[in-house]
mmCIF file of all heavy atoms, coordinates in Angstrom:
data_MODEL
# 
_entry.id   MODEL 
# 
loop_
_atom_site.group_PDB 
_atom_site.id 
_atom_site.type_symbol 
_atom_site.label_atom_id 
_atom_site.label_alt_id 
_atom_site.label_comp_id 
_atom_site.label_asym_id 
_atom_site.label_entity_id 
_atom_site.label_seq_id 
_atom_site.pdbx_PDB_ins_code 
_atom_site.Cartn_x 
_atom_site.Cartn_y 
_atom_site.Cartn_z 
_atom_site.occupancy 
_atom_site.B_iso_or_equiv 
_atom_site.pdbx_formal_charge 
_atom_site.auth_seq_id 
_atom_site.auth_comp_id 
_atom_site.auth_asym_id 
_atom_site.auth_atom_id 
_atom_site.pdbx_PDB_model_num 
ATOM 1   N N   . ASP A 1 1  ? -197.027 -129.632 61.341 1.00 0.00 ? 1  ASP A N   1 
ATOM 2   C CA  . ASP A 1 1  ? -197.514 -130.865 61.965 1.00 0.00 ? 1  ASP A CA  1 
ATOM 3   C C   . ASP A 1 1  ? -196.906 -130.998 63.357 1.00 0.00 ? 1  ASP A C   1 
ATOM 4   O O   . ASP A 1 1  ? -195.688 -131.160 63.496 1.00 0.00 ? 1  ASP A O   1 
ATOM 5   C CB  . ASP A 1 1  ? -197.141 -132.071 61.103 1.00 0.00 ? 1  ASP A CB  1 
ATOM 6   C CG  . ASP A 1 1  ? -197.765 -133.372 61.581 1.00 0.00 ? 1  ASP A CG  1 
ATOM 7   O OD1 . ASP A 1 1  ? -198.205 -133.430 62.752 1.00 0.00 ? 1  ASP A OD1 1 
ATOM 8   O OD2 . ASP A 1 1  ? -197.804 -134.335 60.799 1.00 0.00 ? 1  ASP A OD2 1 
ATOM 9   N N   . TYR A 1 2  ? -197.745 -130.933 64.391 1.00 0.00 ? 2  TYR A N   1 
ATOM 10  C CA  . TYR A 1 2  ? -197.208 -130.981 65.758 1.00 0.00 ? 2  TYR A CA  1 
ATOM 11  C C   . TYR A 1 2  ? -196.504 -132.296 66.053 1.00 0.00 ? 2  TYR A C   1 
ATOM 12  O O   . TYR A 1 2  ? -195.602 -132.355 66.906 1.00 0.00 ? 2  TYR A O   1 
ATOM 13  C CB  . TYR A 1 2  ? -198.317 -130.715 66.784 1.00 0.00 ? 2  TYR A CB  1 
ATOM 14  C CG  . TYR A 1 2  ? -199.256 -131.871 67.054 1.00 0.00 ? 2  TYR A CG  1 
ATOM 15  C CD1 . TYR A 1 2  ? -198.926 -132.877 67.954 1.00 0.00 ? 2  TYR A CD1 1 
ATOM 16  C CD2 . TYR A 1 2  ? -200.492 -131.960 66.417 1.00 0.00 ? 2  TYR A CD2 1 
ATOM 17  C CE1 . TYR A 1 2  ? -199.786 -133.932 68.220 1.00 0.00 ? 2  TYR A CE1 1 
ATOM 18  C CE2 . TYR A 1 2  ? -201.349 -133.010 66.668 1.00 0.00 ? 2  TYR A CE2 1 
ATOM 19  C CZ  . TYR A 1 2  ? -200.995 -133.997 67.569 1.00 0.00 ? 2  TYR A CZ  1 
ATOM 20  O OH  . TYR A 1 2  ? -201.850 -135.041 67.822 1.00 0.00 ? 2  TYR A OH  1 
ATOM 21  N N   . ARG A 1 3  ? -196.872 -133.346 65.351 1.00 0.00 ? 3  ARG A N   1 
ATOM 22  C CA  . ARG A 1 3  ? -196.225 -134.648 65.571 1.00 0.00 ? 3  ARG A CA  1 
ATOM 23  C C   . ARG A 1 3  ? -194.749 -134.610 65.163 1.00 0.00 ? 3  ARG A C   1 
ATOM 24  O O   . ARG A 1 3  ? -193.912 -135.272 65.782 1.00 0.00 ? 3  ARG A O   1 
ATOM 25  C CB  . ARG A 1 3  ? -196.972 -135.740 64.808 1.00 0.00 ? 3  ARG A CB  1 
ATOM 26  C CG  . ARG A 1 3  ? -198.353 -136.064 65.393 1.00 0.00 ? 3  ARG A CG  1 
ATOM 27  C CD  . ARG A 1 3  ? -199.118 -137.027 64.518 1.00 0.00 ? 3  ARG A CD  1 
ATOM 28  N NE  . ARG A 1 3  ? -199.599 -136.362 63.306 1.00 0.00 ? 3  ARG A NE  1 
ATOM 29  C CZ  . ARG A 1 3  ? -200.819 -135.846 63.184 1.00 0.00 ? 3  ARG A CZ  1 
ATOM 30  N NH1 . ARG A 1 3  ? -201.671 -135.929 64.191 1.00 0.00 ? 3  ARG A NH1 1 
ATOM 31  N NH2 . ARG A 1 3  ? -201.178 -135.264 62.053 1.00 0.00 ? 3  ARG A NH2 1 
ATOM 32  N N   . GLU A 1 4  ? -194.446 -133.830 64.128 1.00 0.00 ? 4  GLU A N   1 
ATOM 33  C CA  . GLU A 1 4  ? -193.046 -133.681 63.718 1.00 0.00 ? 4  GLU A CA  1 
ATOM 34  C C   . GLU A 1 4  ? -192.245 -132.947 64.787 1.00 0.00 ? 4  GLU A C   1 
ATOM 35  O O   . GLU A 1 4  ? -191.089 -133.282 65.057 1.00 0.00 ? 4  GLU A O   1 
ATOM 36  C CB  . GLU A 1 4  ? -192.967 -132.937 62.385 1.00 0.00 ? 4  GLU A CB  1 
ATOM 37  C CG  . GLU A 1 4  ? -193.508 -133.727 61.197 1.00 0.00 ? 4  GLU A CG  1 
ATOM 38  C CD  . GLU A 1 4  ? -193.368 -132.973 59.885 1.00 0.00 ? 4  GLU A CD  1 
ATOM 39  O OE1 . GLU A 1 4  ? -192.877 -131.815 59.906 1.00 0.00 ? 4  GLU A OE1 1 
ATOM 40  O OE2 . GLU A 1 4  ? -193.751 -133.534 58.840 1.00 0.00 ? 4  GLU A OE2 1 
ATOM 41  N N   . LEU A 1 5  ? -192.850 -131.937 65.402 1.00 0.00 ? 5  LEU A N   1 
ATOM 42  C CA  . LEU A 1 5  ? -192.174 -131.223 66.484 1.00 0.00 ? 5  LEU A CA  1 
ATOM 43  C C   . LEU A 1 5  ? -191.928 -132.145 67.665 1.00 0.00 ? 5  LEU A C   1 
ATOM 44  O O   . LEU A 1 5  ? -190.837 -132.152 68.249 1.00 0.00 ? 5  LEU A O   1 
ATOM 45  C CB  . LEU A 1 5  ? -192.992 -130.007 66.909 1.00 0.00 ? 5  LEU A CB  1 
ATOM 46  C CG  . LEU A 1 5  ? -192.377 -129.086 67.965 1.00 0.00 ? 5  LEU A CG  1 
ATOM 47  C CD1 . LEU A 1 5  ? -192.822 -127.637 67.753 1.00 0.00 ? 5  LEU A CD1 1 
ATOM 48  C CD2 . LEU A 1 5  ? -192.776 -129.514 69.382 1.00 0.00 ? 5  LEU A CD2 1 
ATOM 49  N N   . LEU A 1 6  ? -192.922 -132.953 68.023 1.00 0.00 ? 6  LEU A N   1 
ATOM 50  C CA  . LEU A 1 6  ? -192.779 -133.859 69.172 1.00 0.00 ? 6  LEU A CA  1 
ATOM 51  C C   . LEU A 1 6  ? -191.748 -134.952 68.909 1.00 0.00 ? 6  LEU A C   1 
ATOM 52  O O   . LEU A 1 6  ? -191.159 -135.494 69.850 1.00 0.00 ? 6  LEU A O   1 
ATOM 53  C CB  . LEU A 1 6  ? -194.132 -134.476 69.522 1.00 0.00 ? 6  LEU A CB  1 
ATOM 54  C CG  . LEU A 1 6  ? -195.227 -133.511 69.999 1.00 0.00 ? 6  LEU A CG  1 
ATOM 55  C CD1 . LEU A 1 6  ? -196.506 -134.268 70.325 1.00 0.00 ? 6  LEU A CD1 1 
ATOM 56  C CD2 . LEU A 1 6  ? -194.760 -132.711 71.207 1.00 0.00 ? 6  LEU A CD2 1 
ATOM 57  N N   . ALA A 1 7  ? -191.530 -135.267 67.649 1.00 0.00 ? 7  ALA A N   1 
ATOM 58  C CA  . ALA A 1 7  ? -190.542 -136.289 67.300 1.00 0.00 ? 7  ALA A CA  1 
ATOM 59  C C   . ALA A 1 7  ? -189.116 -135.736 67.313 1.00 0.00 ? 7  ALA A C   1 
ATOM 60  O O   . ALA A 1 7  ? -188.149 -136.506 67.194 1.00 0.00 ? 7  ALA A O   1 
ATOM 61  C CB  . ALA A 1 7  ? -190.857 -136.870 65.918 1.00 0.00 ? 7  ALA A CB  1 
ATOM 62  N N   . ASN A 1 8  ? -188.989 -134.429 67.468 1.00 0.00 ? 8  ASN A N   1 
ATOM 63  C CA  . ASN A 1 8  ? -187.677 -133.791 67.489 1.00 0.00 ? 8  ASN A CA  1 
ATOM 64  C C   . ASN A 1 8  ? -187.006 -134.059 68.836 1.00 0.00 ? 8  ASN A C   1 
ATOM 65  O O   . ASN A 1 8  ? -187.458 -133.566 69.871 1.00 0.00 ? 8  ASN A O   1 
ATOM 66  C CB  . ASN A 1 8  ? -187.835 -132.286 67.264 1.00 0.00 ? 8  ASN A CB  1 
ATOM 67  C CG  . ASN A 1 8  ? -186.508 -131.548 67.169 1.00 0.00 ? 8  ASN A CG  1 
ATOM 68  O OD1 . ASN A 1 8  ? -185.460 -132.057 67.556 1.00 0.00 ? 8  ASN A OD1 1 
ATOM 69  N ND2 . ASN A 1 8  ? -186.562 -130.328 66.677 1.00 0.00 ? 8  ASN A ND2 1 
ATOM 70  N N   . PRO A 1 9  ? -185.918 -134.824 68.862 1.00 0.00 ? 9  PRO A N   1 
ATOM 71  C CA  . PRO A 1 9  ? -185.285 -135.170 70.143 1.00 0.00 ? 9  PRO A CA  1 
ATOM 72  C C   . PRO A 1 9  ? -184.658 -133.980 70.854 1.00 0.00 ? 9  PRO A C   1 
ATOM 73  O O   . PRO A 1 9  ? -184.398 -134.046 72.063 1.00 0.00 ? 9  PRO A O   1 
ATOM 74  C CB  . PRO A 1 9  ? -184.206 -136.187 69.730 1.00 0.00 ? 9  PRO A CB  1 
ATOM 75  C CG  . PRO A 1 9  ? -183.913 -135.866 68.297 1.00 0.00 ? 9  PRO A CG  1 
ATOM 76  C CD  . PRO A 1 9  ? -185.206 -135.401 67.713 1.00 0.00 ? 9  PRO A CD  1 
ATOM 77  N N   . GLU A 1 10 ? -184.429 -132.885 70.124 1.00 0.00 ? 10 GLU A N   1 
ATOM 78  C CA  . GLU A 1 10 ? -183.840 -131.702 70.747 1.00 0.00 ? 10 GLU A CA  1 
ATOM 79  C C   . GLU A 1 10 ? -184.833 -130.991 71.660 1.00 0.00 ? 10 GLU A C   1 
ATOM 80  O O   . GLU A 1 10 ? -184.445 -130.360 72.650 1.00 0.00 ? 10 GLU A O   1 
ATOM 81  C CB  . GLU A 1 10 ? -183.348 -130.735 69.665 1.00 0.00 ? 10 GLU A CB  1 
ATOM 82  C CG  . GLU A 1 10 ? -182.533 -129.576 70.217 1.00 0.00 ? 10 GLU A CG  1 
ATOM 83  C CD  . GLU A 1 10 ? -182.028 -128.637 69.136 1.00 0.00 ? 10 GLU A CD  1 
ATOM 84  O OE1 . GLU A 1 10 ? -182.514 -128.709 67.989 1.00 0.00 ? 10 GLU A OE1 1 
ATOM 85  O OE2 . GLU A 1 10 ? -181.139 -127.820 69.447 1.00 0.00 ? 10 GLU A OE2 1 
ATOM 86  N N   . VAL A 1 11 ? -186.125 -131.096 71.372 1.00 0.00 ? 11 VAL A N   1 
ATOM 87  C CA  . VAL A 1 11 ? -187.161 -130.407 72.143 1.00 0.00 ? 11 VAL A CA  1 
ATOM 88  C C   . VAL A 1 11 ? -187.359 -131.092 73.495 1.00 0.00 ? 11 VAL A C   1 
ATOM 89  O O   . VAL A 1 11 ? -187.657 -132.281 73.564 1.00 0.00 ? 11 VAL A O   1 
ATOM 90  C CB  . VAL A 1 11 ? -188.493 -130.371 71.371 1.00 0.00 ? 11 VAL A CB  1 
ATOM 91  C CG1 . VAL A 1 11 ? -189.596 -129.778 72.250 1.00 0.00 ? 11 VAL A CG1 1 
ATOM 92  C CG2 . VAL A 1 11 ? -188.356 -129.579 70.084 1.00 0.00 ? 11 VAL A CG2 1 
ATOM 93  N N   . GLU A 1 12 ? -187.202 -130.326 74.564 1.00 0.00 ? 12 GLU A N   1 
ATOM 94  C CA  . GLU A 1 12 ? -187.399 -130.849 75.919 1.00 0.00 ? 12 GLU A CA  1 
ATOM 95  C C   . GLU A 1 12 ? -188.723 -130.402 76.527 1.00 0.00 ? 12 GLU A C   1 
ATOM 96  O O   . GLU A 1 12 ? -189.320 -131.110 77.331 1.00 0.00 ? 12 GLU A O   1 
ATOM 97  C CB  . GLU A 1 12 ? -186.266 -130.365 76.831 1.00 0.00 ? 12 GLU A CB  1 
ATOM 98  C CG  . GLU A 1 12 ? -184.879 -130.752 76.394 1.00 0.00 ? 12 GLU A CG  1 
ATOM 99  C CD  . GLU A 1 12 ? -183.823 -130.041 77.209 1.00 0.00 ? 12 GLU A CD  1 
ATOM 100 O OE1 . GLU A 1 12 ? -183.521 -128.860 76.903 1.00 0.00 ? 12 GLU A OE1 1 
ATOM 101 O OE2 . GLU A 1 12 ? -183.296 -130.659 78.166 1.00 0.00 ? 12 GLU A OE2 1 
ATOM 102 N N   . VAL A 1 13 ? -189.142 -129.194 76.154 1.00 0.00 ? 13 VAL A N   1 
ATOM 103 C CA  . VAL A 1 13 ? -190.325 -128.572 76.752 1.00 0.00 ? 13 VAL A CA  1 
ATOM 104 C C   . VAL A 1 13 ? -191.245 -128.103 75.635 1.00 0.00 ? 13 VAL A C   1 
ATOM 105 O O   . VAL A 1 13 ? -190.791 -127.486 74.669 1.00 0.00 ? 13 VAL A O   1 
ATOM 106 C CB  . VAL A 1 13 ? -189.945 -127.360 77.630 1.00 0.00 ? 13 VAL A CB  1 
ATOM 107 C CG1 . VAL A 1 13 ? -191.174 -126.805 78.345 1.00 0.00 ? 13 VAL A CG1 1 
ATOM 108 C CG2 . VAL A 1 13 ? -188.857 -127.739 78.629 1.00 0.00 ? 13 VAL A CG2 1 
ATOM 109 N N   . VAL A 1 14 ? -192.551 -128.374 75.785 1.00 0.00 ? 14 VAL A N   1 
ATOM 110 C CA  . VAL A 1 14 ? -193.527 -127.961 74.783 1.00 0.00 ? 14 VAL A CA  1 
ATOM 111 C C   . VAL A 1 14 ? -194.511 -126.976 75.411 1.00 0.00 ? 14 VAL A C   1 
ATOM 112 O O   . VAL A 1 14 ? -195.029 -127.218 76.510 1.00 0.00 ? 14 VAL A O   1 
ATOM 113 C CB  . VAL A 1 14 ? -194.294 -129.172 74.222 1.00 0.00 ? 14 VAL A CB  1 
ATOM 114 C CG1 . VAL A 1 14 ? -195.483 -128.721 73.377 1.00 0.00 ? 14 VAL A CG1 1 
ATOM 115 C CG2 . VAL A 1 14 ? -193.362 -130.049 73.393 1.00 0.00 ? 14 VAL A CG2 1 
ATOM 116 N N   . HIS A 1 15 ? -194.778 -125.875 74.717 1.00 0.00 ? 15 HIS A N   1 
ATOM 117 C CA  . HIS A 1 15 ? -195.821 -124.931 75.105 1.00 0.00 ? 15 HIS A CA  1 
ATOM 118 C C   . HIS A 1 15 ? -196.975 -125.092 74.122 1.00 0.00 ? 15 HIS A C   1 
ATOM 119 O O   . HIS A 1 15 ? -196.804 -124.887 72.910 1.00 0.00 ? 15 HIS A O   1 
ATOM 120 C CB  . HIS A 1 15 ? -195.300 -123.495 75.084 1.00 0.00 ? 15 HIS A CB  1 
ATOM 121 C CG  . HIS A 1 15 ? -194.418 -123.154 76.238 1.00 0.00 ? 15 HIS A CG  1 
ATOM 122 N ND1 . HIS A 1 15 ? -194.374 -121.892 76.795 1.00 0.00 ? 15 HIS A ND1 1 
ATOM 123 C CD2 . HIS A 1 15 ? -193.551 -123.908 76.962 1.00 0.00 ? 15 HIS A CD2 1 
ATOM 124 C CE1 . HIS A 1 15 ? -193.510 -121.885 77.806 1.00 0.00 ? 15 HIS A CE1 1 
ATOM 125 N NE2 . HIS A 1 15 ? -192.997 -123.098 77.919 1.00 0.00 ? 15 HIS A NE2 1 
ATOM 126 N N   . VAL A 1 16 ? -198.141 -125.457 74.647 1.00 0.00 ? 16 VAL A N   1 
ATOM 127 C CA  . VAL A 1 16 ? -199.325 -125.692 73.818 1.00 0.00 ? 16 VAL A CA  1 
ATOM 128 C C   . VAL A 1 16 ? -200.152 -124.408 73.793 1.00 0.00 ? 16 VAL A C   1 
ATOM 129 O O   . VAL A 1 16 ? -200.762 -124.027 74.795 1.00 0.00 ? 16 VAL A O   1 
ATOM 130 C CB  . VAL A 1 16 ? -200.154 -126.867 74.350 1.00 0.00 ? 16 VAL A CB  1 
ATOM 131 C CG1 . VAL A 1 16 ? -201.386 -127.095 73.479 1.00 0.00 ? 16 VAL A CG1 1 
ATOM 132 C CG2 . VAL A 1 16 ? -199.298 -128.137 74.407 1.00 0.00 ? 16 VAL A CG2 1 
ATOM 133 N N   . CYS A 1 17 ? -200.182 -123.746 72.647 1.00 0.00 ? 17 CYS A N   1 
ATOM 134 C CA  . CYS A 1 17 ? -200.851 -122.450 72.495 1.00 0.00 ? 17 CYS A CA  1 
ATOM 135 C C   . CYS A 1 17 ? -201.897 -122.520 71.385 1.00 0.00 ? 17 CYS A C   1 
ATOM 136 O O   . CYS A 1 17 ? -202.000 -121.616 70.546 1.00 0.00 ? 17 CYS A O   1 
ATOM 137 C CB  . CYS A 1 17 ? -199.827 -121.362 72.187 1.00 0.00 ? 17 CYS A CB  1 
ATOM 138 S SG  . CYS A 1 17 ? -198.469 -121.258 73.357 1.00 0.00 ? 17 CYS A SG  1 
ATOM 139 N N   . THR A 1 18 ? -202.667 -123.570 71.373 1.00 0.00 ? 18 THR A N   1 
ATOM 140 C CA  . THR A 1 18 ? -203.647 -123.842 70.332 1.00 0.00 ? 18 THR A CA  1 
ATOM 141 C C   . THR A 1 18 ? -205.065 -123.635 70.861 1.00 0.00 ? 18 THR A C   1 
ATOM 142 O O   . THR A 1 18 ? -205.261 -123.449 72.068 1.00 0.00 ? 18 THR A O   1 
ATOM 143 C CB  . THR A 1 18 ? -203.497 -125.289 69.839 1.00 0.00 ? 18 THR A CB  1 
ATOM 144 O OG1 . THR A 1 18 ? -203.718 -126.177 70.954 1.00 0.00 ? 18 THR A OG1 1 
ATOM 145 C CG2 . THR A 1 18 ? -202.110 -125.539 69.269 1.00 0.00 ? 18 THR A CG2 1 
ATOM 146 N N   . PRO A 1 19 ? -206.088 -123.690 69.991 1.00 0.00 ? 19 PRO A N   1 
ATOM 147 C CA  . PRO A 1 19 ? -207.477 -123.611 70.468 1.00 0.00 ? 19 PRO A CA  1 
ATOM 148 C C   . PRO A 1 19 ? -207.786 -124.683 71.518 1.00 0.00 ? 19 PRO A C   1 
ATOM 149 O O   . PRO A 1 19 ? -207.177 -125.766 71.533 1.00 0.00 ? 19 PRO A O   1 
ATOM 150 C CB  . PRO A 1 19 ? -208.293 -123.817 69.184 1.00 0.00 ? 19 PRO A CB  1 
ATOM 151 C CG  . PRO A 1 19 ? -207.416 -123.275 68.106 1.00 0.00 ? 19 PRO A CG  1 
ATOM 152 C CD  . PRO A 1 19 ? -206.018 -123.657 68.520 1.00 0.00 ? 19 PRO A CD  1 
ATOM 153 N N   . ASN A 1 20 ? -208.744 -124.384 72.373 1.00 0.00 ? 20 ASN A N   1 
ATOM 154 C CA  . ASN A 1 20 ? -209.020 -125.207 73.558 1.00 0.00 ? 20 ASN A CA  1 
ATOM 155 C C   . ASN A 1 20 ? -209.258 -126.681 73.257 1.00 0.00 ? 20 ASN A C   1 
ATOM 156 O O   . ASN A 1 20 ? -208.810 -127.554 73.998 1.00 0.00 ? 20 ASN A O   1 
ATOM 157 C CB  . ASN A 1 20 ? -210.235 -124.650 74.297 1.00 0.00 ? 20 ASN A CB  1 
ATOM 158 C CG  . ASN A 1 20 ? -210.026 -123.235 74.790 1.00 0.00 ? 20 ASN A CG  1 
ATOM 159 O OD1 . ASN A 1 20 ? -208.897 -122.787 74.961 1.00 0.00 ? 20 ASN A OD1 1 
ATOM 160 N ND2 . ASN A 1 20 ? -211.119 -122.515 75.012 1.00 0.00 ? 20 ASN A ND2 1 
ATOM 161 N N   . VAL A 1 21 ? -210.008 -126.981 72.196 1.00 0.00 ? 21 VAL A N   1 
ATOM 162 C CA  . VAL A 1 21 ? -210.403 -128.369 71.952 1.00 0.00 ? 21 VAL A CA  1 
ATOM 163 C C   . VAL A 1 21 ? -209.226 -129.257 71.569 1.00 0.00 ? 21 VAL A C   1 
ATOM 164 O O   . VAL A 1 21 ? -209.336 -130.485 71.626 1.00 0.00 ? 21 VAL A O   1 
ATOM 165 C CB  . VAL A 1 21 ? -211.510 -128.474 70.880 1.00 0.00 ? 21 VAL A CB  1 
ATOM 166 C CG1 . VAL A 1 21 ? -212.786 -127.795 71.353 1.00 0.00 ? 21 VAL A CG1 1 
ATOM 167 C CG2 . VAL A 1 21 ? -211.044 -127.898 69.550 1.00 0.00 ? 21 VAL A CG2 1 
ATOM 168 N N   . SER A 1 22 ? -208.100 -128.668 71.192 1.00 0.00 ? 22 SER A N   1 
ATOM 169 C CA  . SER A 1 22 ? -206.927 -129.473 70.823 1.00 0.00 ? 22 SER A CA  1 
ATOM 170 C C   . SER A 1 22 ? -205.929 -129.622 71.966 1.00 0.00 ? 22 SER A C   1 
ATOM 171 O O   . SER A 1 22 ? -204.921 -130.323 71.828 1.00 0.00 ? 22 SER A O   1 
ATOM 172 C CB  . SER A 1 22 ? -206.224 -128.860 69.607 1.00 0.00 ? 22 SER A CB  1 
ATOM 173 O OG  . SER A 1 22 ? -205.753 -127.558 69.899 1.00 0.00 ? 22 SER A OG  1 
ATOM 174 N N   . HIS A 1 23 ? -206.173 -128.976 73.096 1.00 0.00 ? 23 HIS A N   1 
ATOM 175 C CA  . HIS A 1 23 ? -205.235 -129.039 74.217 1.00 0.00 ? 23 HIS A CA  1 
ATOM 176 C C   . HIS A 1 23 ? -204.952 -130.470 74.651 1.00 0.00 ? 23 HIS A C   1 
ATOM 177 O O   . HIS A 1 23 ? -203.801 -130.861 74.855 1.00 0.00 ? 23 HIS A O   1 
ATOM 178 C CB  . HIS A 1 23 ? -205.776 -128.244 75.414 1.00 0.00 ? 23 HIS A CB  1 
ATOM 179 C CG  . HIS A 1 23 ? -205.683 -126.769 75.248 1.00 0.00 ? 23 HIS A CG  1 
ATOM 180 N ND1 . HIS A 1 23 ? -206.079 -125.876 76.231 1.00 0.00 ? 23 HIS A ND1 1 
ATOM 181 C CD2 . HIS A 1 23 ? -205.254 -126.006 74.215 1.00 0.00 ? 23 HIS A CD2 1 
ATOM 182 C CE1 . HIS A 1 23 ? -205.886 -124.638 75.808 1.00 0.00 ? 23 HIS A CE1 1 
ATOM 183 N NE2 . HIS A 1 23 ? -205.398 -124.692 74.582 1.00 0.00 ? 23 HIS A NE2 1 
ATOM 184 N N   . SER A 1 24 ? -206.003 -131.245 74.809 1.00 0.00 ? 24 SER A N   1 
ATOM 185 C CA  . SER A 1 24 ? -205.852 -132.601 75.335 1.00 0.00 ? 24 SER A CA  1 
ATOM 186 C C   . SER A 1 24 ? -205.038 -133.484 74.395 1.00 0.00 ? 24 SER A C   1 
ATOM 187 O O   . SER A 1 24 ? -204.071 -134.132 74.814 1.00 0.00 ? 24 SER A O   1 
ATOM 188 C CB  . SER A 1 24 ? -207.234 -133.223 75.578 1.00 0.00 ? 24 SER A CB  1 
ATOM 189 O OG  . SER A 1 24 ? -207.116 -134.556 76.026 1.00 0.00 ? 24 SER A OG  1 
ATOM 190 N N   . GLU A 1 25 ? -205.410 -133.521 73.139 1.00 0.00 ? 25 GLU A N   1 
ATOM 191 C CA  . GLU A 1 25 ? -204.723 -134.377 72.167 1.00 0.00 ? 25 GLU A CA  1 
ATOM 192 C C   . GLU A 1 25 ? -203.227 -134.071 72.104 1.00 0.00 ? 25 GLU A C   1 
ATOM 193 O O   . GLU A 1 25 ? -202.382 -134.983 72.158 1.00 0.00 ? 25 GLU A O   1 
ATOM 194 C CB  . GLU A 1 25 ? -205.350 -134.188 70.785 1.00 0.00 ? 25 GLU A CB  1 
ATOM 195 C CG  . GLU A 1 25 ? -204.646 -134.953 69.671 1.00 0.00 ? 25 GLU A CG  1 
ATOM 196 C CD  . GLU A 1 25 ? -205.208 -134.633 68.298 1.00 0.00 ? 25 GLU A CD  1 
ATOM 197 O OE1 . GLU A 1 25 ? -206.395 -134.265 68.210 1.00 0.00 ? 25 GLU A OE1 1 
ATOM 198 O OE2 . GLU A 1 25 ? -204.458 -134.758 67.306 1.00 0.00 ? 25 GLU A OE2 1 
ATOM 199 N N   . ILE A 1 26 ? -202.889 -132.799 72.008 1.00 0.00 ? 26 ILE A N   1 
ATOM 200 C CA  . ILE A 1 26 ? -201.483 -132.406 71.860 1.00 0.00 ? 26 ILE A CA  1 
ATOM 201 C C   . ILE A 1 26 ? -200.710 -132.631 73.159 1.00 0.00 ? 26 ILE A C   1 
ATOM 202 O O   . ILE A 1 26 ? -199.578 -133.125 73.149 1.00 0.00 ? 26 ILE A O   1 
ATOM 203 C CB  . ILE A 1 26 ? -201.388 -130.945 71.407 1.00 0.00 ? 26 ILE A CB  1 
ATOM 204 C CG1 . ILE A 1 26 ? -202.009 -130.781 70.015 1.00 0.00 ? 26 ILE A CG1 1 
ATOM 205 C CG2 . ILE A 1 26 ? -199.931 -130.480 71.397 1.00 0.00 ? 26 ILE A CG2 1 
ATOM 206 C CD1 . ILE A 1 26 ? -202.130 -129.345 69.562 1.00 0.00 ? 26 ILE A CD1 1 
# 
């Protein structure tokens, strides 16, 4: 669940490597 990753306070930088239609939401 990407929302769990985004809730992780340790994460500073996110690389979005998903199918095109999900780029915007994530």
